[in-house]
């Protein structure tokens, strides 16, 4: 499933450092397909692929929760455009 996370970043430098530290440690069954950062670095939008929102939430809140408030949105592929091919479809 795809999950979008909207990060409202309170500390851009801490957020960036946490992302750099956490990204290499992601479980193999979790993937970040896209990140988009606003000009002022106060908003970041990410597109994740994982088995559940809870799995993404656990990762994000553990590593980034100190530097951002995060909103989680389950994506409906039938009402979306430009999504990557899912791992399930590739198998």
PDB file of N, CA and C in Angstrom:
ATOM      1  N   UNK A   1       0.836  -1.170   0.000  1.00  0.00           N
ATOM      2  CA  UNK A   1       0.000   0.000   0.000  1.00  0.00           C
ATOM      3  C   UNK A   1       0.882   1.235   0.000  1.00  0.00           C
ATOM      4  N   UNK A   2       0.303   2.324  -0.529  1.00  0.00           N
ATOM      5  CA  UNK A   2       1.015   3.595  -0.524  1.00  0.00           C
ATOM      6  C   UNK A   2       0.476   4.476   0.592  1.00  0.00           C
ATOM      7  N   UNK A   3       1.381   5.182   1.240  1.00  0.00           N
ATOM      8  CA  UNK A   3       1.052   6.101   2.314  1.00  0.00           C
ATOM      9  C   UNK A   3       1.788   7.401   2.039  1.00  0.00           C
ATOM     10  N   UNK A   4       1.058   8.500   2.062  1.00  0.00           N
ATOM     11  CA  UNK A   4       1.692   9.807   1.961  1.00  0.00           C
ATOM     12  C   UNK A   4       1.828  10.368   3.369  1.00  0.00           C
ATOM     13  N   UNK A   5       2.950  11.008   3.630  1.00  0.00           N
ATOM     14  CA  UNK A   5       3.147  11.665   4.913  1.00  0.00           C
ATOM     15  C   UNK A   5       3.453  13.133   4.646  1.00  0.00           C
ATOM     16  N   UNK A   6       2.682  13.988   5.297  1.00  0.00           N
ATOM     17  CA  UNK A   6       2.937  15.422   5.244  1.00  0.00           C
ATOM     18  C   UNK A   6       3.615  15.786   6.558  1.00  0.00           C
ATOM     19  N   UNK A   7       4.849  16.246   6.457  1.00  0.00           N
ATOM     20  CA  UNK A   7       5.637  16.633   7.625  1.00  0.00           C
ATOM     21  C   UNK A   7       5.584  18.154   7.757  1.00  0.00           C
ATOM     22  N   UNK A   8       5.127  18.655   8.891  1.00  0.00           N
ATOM     23  CA  UNK A   8       5.183  20.079   9.212  1.00  0.00           C
ATOM     24  C   UNK A   8       6.412  20.241  10.101  1.00  0.00           C
ATOM     25  N   UNK A   9       7.481  20.703   9.504  1.00  0.00           N
ATOM     26  CA  UNK A   9       8.811  20.661  10.122  1.00  0.00           C
ATOM     27  C   UNK A   9       9.032  21.883  11.009  1.00  0.00           C
ATOM     28  N   UNK A  10       9.374  21.620  12.263  1.00  0.00           N
ATOM     29  CA  UNK A  10       9.664  22.703  13.211  1.00  0.00           C
ATOM     30  C   UNK A  10      11.159  22.994  13.312  1.00  0.00           C
ATOM     31  N   UNK A  11      11.992  22.018  12.975  1.00  0.00           N
ATOM     32  CA  UNK A  11      13.447  22.179  13.041  1.00  0.00           C
ATOM     33  C   UNK A  11      14.060  21.531  11.793  1.00  0.00           C
ATOM     34  N   UNK A  12      14.188  22.301  10.703  1.00  0.00           N
ATOM     35  CA  UNK A  12      14.664  21.729   9.445  1.00  0.00           C
ATOM     36  C   UNK A  12      16.034  21.045   9.533  1.00  0.00           C
ATOM     37  N   UNK A  13      16.950  21.603  10.300  1.00  0.00           N
ATOM     38  CA  UNK A  13      18.282  20.989  10.388  1.00  0.00           C
ATOM     39  C   UNK A  13      18.218  19.636  11.108  1.00  0.00           C
ATOM     40  N   UNK A  14      17.479  19.571  12.209  1.00  0.00           N
ATOM     41  CA  UNK A  14      17.326  18.306  12.938  1.00  0.00           C
ATOM     42  C   UNK A  14      16.566  17.292  12.081  1.00  0.00           C
ATOM     43  N   UNK A  15      15.552  17.751  11.352  1.00  0.00           N
ATOM     44  CA  UNK A  15      14.781  16.875  10.476  1.00  0.00           C
ATOM     45  C   UNK A  15      15.693  16.269   9.401  1.00  0.00           C
ATOM     46  N   UNK A  16      16.478  17.112   8.738  1.00  0.00           N
ATOM     47  CA  UNK A  16      17.385  16.628   7.698  1.00  0.00           C
ATOM     48  C   UNK A  16      18.403  15.638   8.222  1.00  0.00           C
ATOM     49  N   UNK A  17      18.958  15.912   9.390  1.00  0.00           N
ATOM     50  CA  UNK A  17      19.927  14.994   9.993  1.00  0.00           C
ATOM     51  C   UNK A  17      19.271  13.660  10.348  1.00  0.00           C
ATOM     52  N   UNK A  18      18.044  13.710  10.861  1.00  0.00           N
ATOM     53  CA  UNK A  18      17.340  12.483  11.227  1.00  0.00           C
ATOM     54  C   UNK A  18      17.006  11.649   9.987  1.00  0.00           C
ATOM     55  N   UNK A  19      16.605  12.312   8.910  1.00  0.00           N
ATOM     56  CA  UNK A  19      16.323  11.592   7.657  1.00  0.00           C
ATOM     57  C   UNK A  19      17.584  10.899   7.158  1.00  0.00           C
ATOM     58  N   UNK A  20      18.699  11.622   7.145  1.00  0.00           N
ATOM     59  CA  UNK A  20      19.960  11.053   6.676  1.00  0.00           C
ATOM     60  C   UNK A  20      20.387   9.857   7.518  1.00  0.00           C
ATOM     61  N   UNK A  21      20.133   9.919   8.805  1.00  0.00           N
ATOM     62  CA  UNK A  21      20.507   8.829   9.706  1.00  0.00           C
ATOM     63  C   UNK A  21      19.572   7.627   9.569  1.00  0.00           C
ATOM     64  N   UNK A  22      18.271   7.876   9.411  1.00  0.00           N
ATOM     65  CA  UNK A  22      17.285   6.796   9.412  1.00  0.00           C
ATOM     66  C   UNK A  22      17.159   6.079   8.074  1.00  0.00           C
ATOM     67  N   UNK A  23      17.364   6.781   6.973  1.00  0.00           N
ATOM     68  CA  UNK A  23      17.116   6.200   5.656  1.00  0.00           C
ATOM     69  C   UNK A  23      17.889   4.906   5.400  1.00  0.00           C
ATOM     70  N   UNK A  24      19.173   4.826   5.720  1.00  0.00           N
ATOM     71  CA  UNK A  24      19.880   3.566   5.469  1.00  0.00           C
ATOM     72  C   UNK A  24      19.402   2.401   6.350  1.00  0.00           C
ATOM     73  N   UNK A  25      18.660   2.700   7.404  1.00  0.00           N
ATOM     74  CA  UNK A  25      18.214   1.679   8.351  1.00  0.00           C
ATOM     75  C   UNK A  25      16.785   1.198   8.098  1.00  0.00           C
ATOM     76  N   UNK A  26      16.153   1.669   7.024  1.00  0.00           N
ATOM     77  CA  UNK A  26      14.780   1.259   6.762  1.00  0.00           C
ATOM     78  C   UNK A  26      14.694  -0.246   6.544  1.00  0.00           C
ATOM     79  N   UNK A  27      13.623  -0.878   7.032  1.00  0.00           N
ATOM     80  CA  UNK A  27      13.433  -2.305   6.758  1.00  0.00           C
ATOM     81  C   UNK A  27      13.324  -2.544   5.255  1.00  0.00           C
ATOM     82  N   UNK A  28      13.672  -3.727   4.816  1.00  0.00           N
ATOM     83  CA  UNK A  28      13.665  -4.024   3.384  1.00  0.00           C
ATOM     84  C   UNK A  28      12.256  -4.029   2.793  1.00  0.00           C
ATOM     85  N   UNK A  29      11.231  -4.182   3.619  1.00  0.00           N
ATOM     86  CA  UNK A  29       9.857  -4.201   3.113  1.00  0.00           C
ATOM     87  C   UNK A  29       9.187  -2.819   3.160  1.00  0.00           C
ATOM     88  N   UNK A  30       9.975  -1.783   3.389  1.00  0.00           N
ATOM     89  CA  UNK A  30       9.477  -0.411   3.418  1.00  0.00           C
ATOM     90  C   UNK A  30      10.309   0.409   2.437  1.00  0.00           C
ATOM     91  N   UNK A  31       9.616   1.210   1.626  1.00  0.00           N
ATOM     92  CA  UNK A  31      10.336   2.015   0.641  1.00  0.00           C
ATOM     93  C   UNK A  31       9.786   3.431   0.616  1.00  0.00           C
ATOM     94  N   UNK A  32      10.685   4.389   0.506  1.00  0.00           N
ATOM     95  CA  UNK A  32      10.302   5.780   0.274  1.00  0.00           C
ATOM     96  C   UNK A  32      10.522   6.038  -1.216  1.00  0.00           C
ATOM     97  N   UNK A  33       9.432   6.314  -1.929  1.00  0.00           N
ATOM     98  CA  UNK A  33       9.509   6.526  -3.377  1.00  0.00           C
ATOM     99  C   UNK A  33       9.795   7.977  -3.738  1.00  0.00           C
ATOM    100  N   UNK A  34       9.357   8.902  -2.881  1.00  0.00           N
ATOM    101  CA  UNK A  34       9.440  10.306  -3.254  1.00  0.00           C
ATOM    102  C   UNK A  34       9.504  11.170  -2.004  1.00  0.00           C
ATOM    103  N   UNK A  35      10.309  12.201  -2.067  1.00  0.00           N
ATOM    104  CA  UNK A  35      10.256  13.274  -1.075  1.00  0.00           C
ATOM    105  C   UNK A  35      10.209  14.592  -1.833  1.00  0.00           C
ATOM    106  N   UNK A  36       9.404  15.506  -1.336  1.00  0.00           N
ATOM    107  CA  UNK A  36       9.301  16.837  -1.930  1.00  0.00           C
ATOM    108  C   UNK A  36       9.354  17.847  -0.790  1.00  0.00           C
ATOM    109  N   UNK A  37      10.344  18.739  -0.851  1.00  0.00           N
ATOM    110  CA  UNK A  37      10.576  19.697   0.223  1.00  0.00           C
ATOM    111  C   UNK A  37      10.227  21.103  -0.252  1.00  0.00           C
ATOM    112  N   UNK A  38       9.442  21.812   0.551  1.00  0.00           N
ATOM    113  CA  UNK A  38       9.090  23.194   0.238  1.00  0.00           C
ATOM    114  C   UNK A  38      10.305  24.103   0.300  1.00  0.00           C
ATOM    115  N   UNK A  39      10.223  25.227  -0.388  1.00  0.00           N
ATOM    116  CA  UNK A  39      11.333  26.183  -0.444  1.00  0.00           C
ATOM    117  C   UNK A  39      11.869  26.578   0.924  1.00  0.00           C
ATOM    118  N   UNK A  40      10.976  26.782   1.881  1.00  0.00           N
ATOM    119  CA  UNK A  40      11.434  27.230   3.203  1.00  0.00           C
ATOM    120  C   UNK A  40      11.721  26.070   4.160  1.00  0.00           C
ATOM    121  N   UNK A  41      11.604  24.845   3.674  1.00  0.00           N
ATOM    122  CA  UNK A  41      11.916  23.615   4.420  1.00  0.00           C
ATOM    123  C   UNK A  41      10.955  23.359   5.585  1.00  0.00           C
ATOM    124  N   UNK A  42       9.836  24.068   5.638  1.00  0.00           N
ATOM    125  CA  UNK A  42       8.893  23.859   6.740  1.00  0.00           C
ATOM    126  C   UNK A  42       7.864  22.773   6.441  1.00  0.00           C
ATOM    127  N   UNK A  43       7.783  22.364   5.178  1.00  0.00           N
ATOM    128  CA  UNK A  43       6.869  21.294   4.785  1.00  0.00           C
ATOM    129  C   UNK A  43       7.605  20.320   3.878  1.00  0.00           C
ATOM    130  N   UNK A  44       7.457  19.039   4.192  1.00  0.00           N
ATOM    131  CA  UNK A  44       8.016  17.974   3.359  1.00  0.00           C
ATOM    132  C   UNK A  44       6.902  16.953   3.146  1.00  0.00           C
ATOM    133  N   UNK A  45       6.758  16.498   1.908  1.00  0.00           N
ATOM    134  CA  UNK A  45       5.762  15.484   1.583  1.00  0.00           C
ATOM    135  C   UNK A  45       6.508  14.262   1.062  1.00  0.00           C
ATOM    136  N   UNK A  46       6.183  13.097   1.605  1.00  0.00           N
ATOM    137  CA  UNK A  46       6.839  11.856   1.212  1.00  0.00           C
ATOM    138  C   UNK A  46       5.806  10.833   0.761  1.00  0.00           C
ATOM    139  N   UNK A  47       6.209   9.967  -0.158  1.00  0.00           N
ATOM    140  CA  UNK A  47       5.381   8.851  -0.588  1.00  0.00           C
ATOM    141  C   UNK A  47       6.084   7.561  -0.208  1.00  0.00           C
ATOM    142  N   UNK A  48       5.444   6.800   0.657  1.00  0.00           N
ATOM    143  CA  UNK A  48       5.981   5.542   1.167  1.00  0.00           C
ATOM    144  C   UNK A  48       5.225   4.364   0.577  1.00  0.00           C
ATOM    145  N   UNK A  49       5.880   3.216   0.552  1.00  0.00           N
ATOM    146  CA  UNK A  49       5.225   1.946   0.250  1.00  0.00           C
ATOM    147  C   UNK A  49       5.534   1.001   1.403  1.00  0.00           C
ATOM    148  N   UNK A  50       4.483   0.495   2.029  1.00  0.00           N
ATOM    149  CA  UNK A  50       4.641  -0.395   3.182  1.00  0.00           C
ATOM    150  C   UNK A  50       3.361  -1.205   3.350  1.00  0.00           C
ATOM    151  N   UNK A  51       3.411  -2.161   4.251  1.00  0.00           N
ATOM    152  CA  UNK A  51       2.246  -3.023   4.475  1.00  0.00           C
ATOM    153  C   UNK A  51       1.144  -2.349   5.276  1.00  0.00           C
ATOM    154  N   UNK A  52       1.470  -1.274   6.001  1.00  0.00           N
ATOM    155  CA  UNK A  52       0.449  -0.599   6.798  1.00  0.00           C
ATOM    156  C   UNK A  52       0.876   0.823   7.152  1.00  0.00           C
ATOM    157  N   UNK A  53      -0.122   1.637   7.470  1.00  0.00           N
ATOM    158  CA  UNK A  53       0.145   2.992   7.955  1.00  0.00           C
ATOM    159  C   UNK A  53       0.895   2.912   9.282  1.00  0.00           C
ATOM    160  N   UNK A  54       0.506   1.972  10.130  1.00  0.00           N
ATOM    161  CA  UNK A  54       1.164   1.849  11.436  1.00  0.00           C
ATOM    162  C   UNK A  54       2.660   1.604  11.311  1.00  0.00           C
ATOM    163  N   UNK A  55       3.060   0.823  10.323  1.00  0.00           N
ATOM    164  CA  UNK A  55       4.488   0.546  10.133  1.00  0.00           C
ATOM    165  C   UNK A  55       5.238   1.841   9.788  1.00  0.00           C
ATOM    166  N   UNK A  56       4.663   2.632   8.892  1.00  0.00           N
ATOM    167  CA  UNK A  56       5.281   3.908   8.519  1.00  0.00           C
ATOM    168  C   UNK A  56       5.266   4.859   9.708  1.00  0.00           C
ATOM    169  N   UNK A  57       4.136   4.937  10.400  1.00  0.00           N
ATOM    170  CA  UNK A  57       4.019   5.828  11.561  1.00  0.00           C
ATOM    171  C   UNK A  57       5.075   5.504  12.615  1.00  0.00           C
ATOM    172  N   UNK A  58       5.273   4.221  12.882  1.00  0.00           N
ATOM    173  CA  UNK A  58       6.279   3.828  13.882  1.00  0.00           C
ATOM    174  C   UNK A  58       7.669   4.322  13.493  1.00  0.00           C
ATOM    175  N   UNK A  59       8.016   4.184  12.230  1.00  0.00           N
ATOM    176  CA  UNK A  59       9.335   4.620  11.756  1.00  0.00           C
ATOM    177  C   UNK A  59       9.449   6.144  11.834  1.00  0.00           C
ATOM    178  N   UNK A  60       8.455   6.826  11.282  1.00  0.00           N
ATOM    179  CA  UNK A  60       8.511   8.290  11.208  1.00  0.00           C
ATOM    180  C   UNK A  60       8.531   8.913  12.597  1.00  0.00           C
ATOM    181  N   UNK A  61       7.631   8.488  13.462  1.00  0.00           N
ATOM    182  CA  UNK A  61       7.565   9.109  14.786  1.00  0.00           C
ATOM    183  C   UNK A  61       8.815   8.819  15.608  1.00  0.00           C
ATOM    184  N   UNK A  62       9.376   7.633  15.459  1.00  0.00           N
ATOM    185  CA  UNK A  62      10.596   7.295  16.187  1.00  0.00           C
ATOM    186  C   UNK A  62      11.763   8.179  15.767  1.00  0.00           C
ATOM    187  N   UNK A  63      11.903   8.404  14.466  1.00  0.00           N
ATOM    188  CA  UNK A  63      13.084   9.104  13.955  1.00  0.00           C
ATOM    189  C   UNK A  63      12.877  10.598  13.713  1.00  0.00           C
ATOM    190  N   UNK A  64      11.652  11.000  13.391  1.00  0.00           N
ATOM    191  CA  UNK A  64      11.420  12.385  12.982  1.00  0.00           C
ATOM    192  C   UNK A  64      10.457  13.146  13.872  1.00  0.00           C
ATOM    193  N   UNK A  65       9.785  12.458  14.771  1.00  0.00           N
ATOM    194  CA  UNK A  65       8.746  13.067  15.591  1.00  0.00           C
ATOM    195  C   UNK A  65       9.212  14.244  16.421  1.00  0.00           C
ATOM    196  N   UNK A  66      10.493  14.284  16.760  1.00  0.00           N
ATOM    197  CA  UNK A  66      11.022  15.400  17.544  1.00  0.00           C
ATOM    198  C   UNK A  66      11.178  16.675  16.714  1.00  0.00           C
ATOM    199  N   UNK A  67      11.155  16.547  15.388  1.00  0.00           N
ATOM    200  CA  UNK A  67      11.427  17.692  14.518  1.00  0.00           C
ATOM    201  C   UNK A  67      10.253  18.049  13.618  1.00  0.00           C
ATOM    202  N   UNK A  68       9.155  17.274  13.700  1.00  0.00           N
ATOM    203  CA  UNK A  68       8.008  17.566  12.837  1.00  0.00           C
ATOM    204  C   UNK A  68       6.723  16.979  13.403  1.00  0.00           C
ATOM    205  N   UNK A  69       5.617  17.591  13.009  1.00  0.00           N
ATOM    206  CA  UNK A  69       4.284  17.035  13.217  1.00  0.00           C
ATOM    207  C   UNK A  69       3.927  16.359  11.903  1.00  0.00           C
ATOM    208  N   UNK A  70       3.344  15.160  11.971  1.00  0.00           N
ATOM    209  CA  UNK A  70       3.198  14.345  10.776  1.00  0.00           C
ATOM    210  C   UNK A  70       1.754  13.898  10.567  1.00  0.00           C
ATOM    211  N   UNK A  71       1.300  14.024   9.327  1.00  0.00           N
ATOM    212  CA  UNK A  71      -0.040  13.588   8.948  1.00  0.00           C
ATOM    213  C   UNK A  71       0.105  12.422   7.974  1.00  0.00           C
ATOM    214  N   UNK A  72      -0.665  11.356   8.193  1.00  0.00           N
ATOM    215  CA  UNK A  72      -0.563  10.125   7.417  1.00  0.00           C
ATOM    216  C   UNK A  72      -1.822   9.942   6.579  1.00  0.00           C
ATOM    217  N   UNK A  73      -1.645   9.678   5.288  1.00  0.00           N
ATOM    218  CA  UNK A  73      -2.767   9.557   4.364  1.00  0.00           C
ATOM    219  C   UNK A  73      -2.596   8.272   3.562  1.00  0.00           C
ATOM    220  N   UNK A  74      -3.575   7.382   3.665  1.00  0.00           N
ATOM    221  CA  UNK A  74      -3.575   6.174   2.842  1.00  0.00           C
ATOM    222  C   UNK A  74      -4.007   6.582   1.431  1.00  0.00           C
ATOM    223  N   UNK A  75      -3.241   6.175   0.445  1.00  0.00           N
ATOM    224  CA  UNK A  75      -3.473   6.570  -0.940  1.00  0.00           C
ATOM    225  C   UNK A  75      -4.351   5.534  -1.642  1.00  0.00           C
ATOM    226  N   UNK A  76      -5.354   6.010  -2.360  1.00  0.00           N
ATOM    227  CA  UNK A  76      -6.216   5.160  -3.185  1.00  0.00           C
ATOM    228  C   UNK A  76      -5.646   5.160  -4.601  1.00  0.00           C
ATOM    229  N   UNK A  77      -4.995   4.077  -5.022  1.00  0.00           N
ATOM    230  CA  UNK A  77      -4.383   4.058  -6.359  1.00  0.00           C
ATOM    231  C   UNK A  77      -5.377   4.290  -7.497  1.00  0.00           C
ATOM    232  N   UNK A  78      -6.641   3.896  -7.310  1.00  0.00           N
ATOM    233  CA  UNK A  78      -7.623   4.065  -8.385  1.00  0.00           C
ATOM    234  C   UNK A  78      -7.997   5.533  -8.600  1.00  0.00           C
ATOM    235  N   UNK A  79      -7.653   6.389  -7.645  1.00  0.00           N
ATOM    236  CA  UNK A  79      -7.968   7.814  -7.761  1.00  0.00           C
ATOM    237  C   UNK A  79      -6.695   8.658  -7.807  1.00  0.00           C
ATOM    238  N   UNK A  80      -5.581   8.034  -8.170  1.00  0.00           N
ATOM    239  CA  UNK A  80      -4.280   8.705  -8.159  1.00  0.00           C
ATOM    240  C   UNK A  80      -3.600   8.557  -9.514  1.00  0.00           C
ATOM    241  N   UNK A  81      -2.631   9.428  -9.771  1.00  0.00           N
ATOM    242  CA  UNK A  81      -1.847   9.363 -11.005  1.00  0.00           C
ATOM    243  C   UNK A  81      -0.365   9.342 -10.661  1.00  0.00           C
ATOM    244  N   UNK A  82       0.412   8.652 -11.479  1.00  0.00           N
ATOM    245  CA  UNK A  82       1.859   8.706 -11.359  1.00  0.00           C
ATOM    246  C   UNK A  82       2.471   7.862 -10.264  1.00  0.00           C
ATOM    247  N   UNK A  83       1.683   6.976  -9.661  1.00  0.00           N
ATOM    248  CA  UNK A  83       2.248   6.125  -8.599  1.00  0.00           C
ATOM    249  C   UNK A  83       3.217   5.118  -9.212  1.00  0.00           C
ATOM    250  N   UNK A  84       4.251   4.757  -8.462  1.00  0.00           N
ATOM    251  CA  UNK A  84       5.164   3.722  -8.954  1.00  0.00           C
ATOM    252  C   UNK A  84       4.458   2.362  -8.995  1.00  0.00           C
ATOM    253  N   UNK A  85       5.031   1.437  -9.737  1.00  0.00           N
ATOM    254  CA  UNK A  85       4.538   0.071  -9.741  1.00  0.00           C
ATOM    255  C   UNK A  85       4.774  -0.513  -8.356  1.00  0.00           C
ATOM    256  N   UNK A  86       3.762  -1.122  -7.770  1.00  0.00           N
ATOM    257  CA  UNK A  86       3.903  -1.649  -6.413  1.00  0.00           C
ATOM    258  C   UNK A  86       4.757  -2.909  -6.385  1.00  0.00           C
ATOM    259  N   UNK A  87       5.336  -3.167  -5.251  1.00  0.00           N
ATOM    260  CA  UNK A  87       6.131  -4.389  -5.058  1.00  0.00           C
ATOM    261  C   UNK A  87       5.269  -5.609  -5.316  1.00  0.00           C
ATOM    262  N   UNK A  88       4.001  -5.592  -4.895  1.00  0.00           N
ATOM    263  CA  UNK A  88       3.121  -6.732  -5.080  1.00  0.00           C
ATOM    264  C   UNK A  88       2.888  -7.020  -6.568  1.00  0.00           C
ATOM    265  N   UNK A  89       2.758  -5.958  -7.357  1.00  0.00           N
ATOM    266  CA  UNK A  89       2.530  -6.132  -8.788  1.00  0.00           C
ATOM    267  C   UNK A  89       3.780  -6.648  -9.494  1.00  0.00           C
ATOM    268  N   UNK A  90       4.960  -6.328  -8.965  1.00  0.00           N
ATOM    269  CA  UNK A  90       6.212  -6.792  -9.574  1.00  0.00           C
ATOM    270  C   UNK A  90       6.505  -8.243  -9.256  1.00  0.00           C
ATOM    271  N   UNK A  91       5.925  -8.769  -8.178  1.00  0.00           N
ATOM    272  CA  UNK A  91       6.230 -10.145  -7.722  1.00  0.00           C
ATOM    273  C   UNK A  91       5.601 -11.173  -8.618  1.00  0.00           C
TER     274      UNK A  91
END
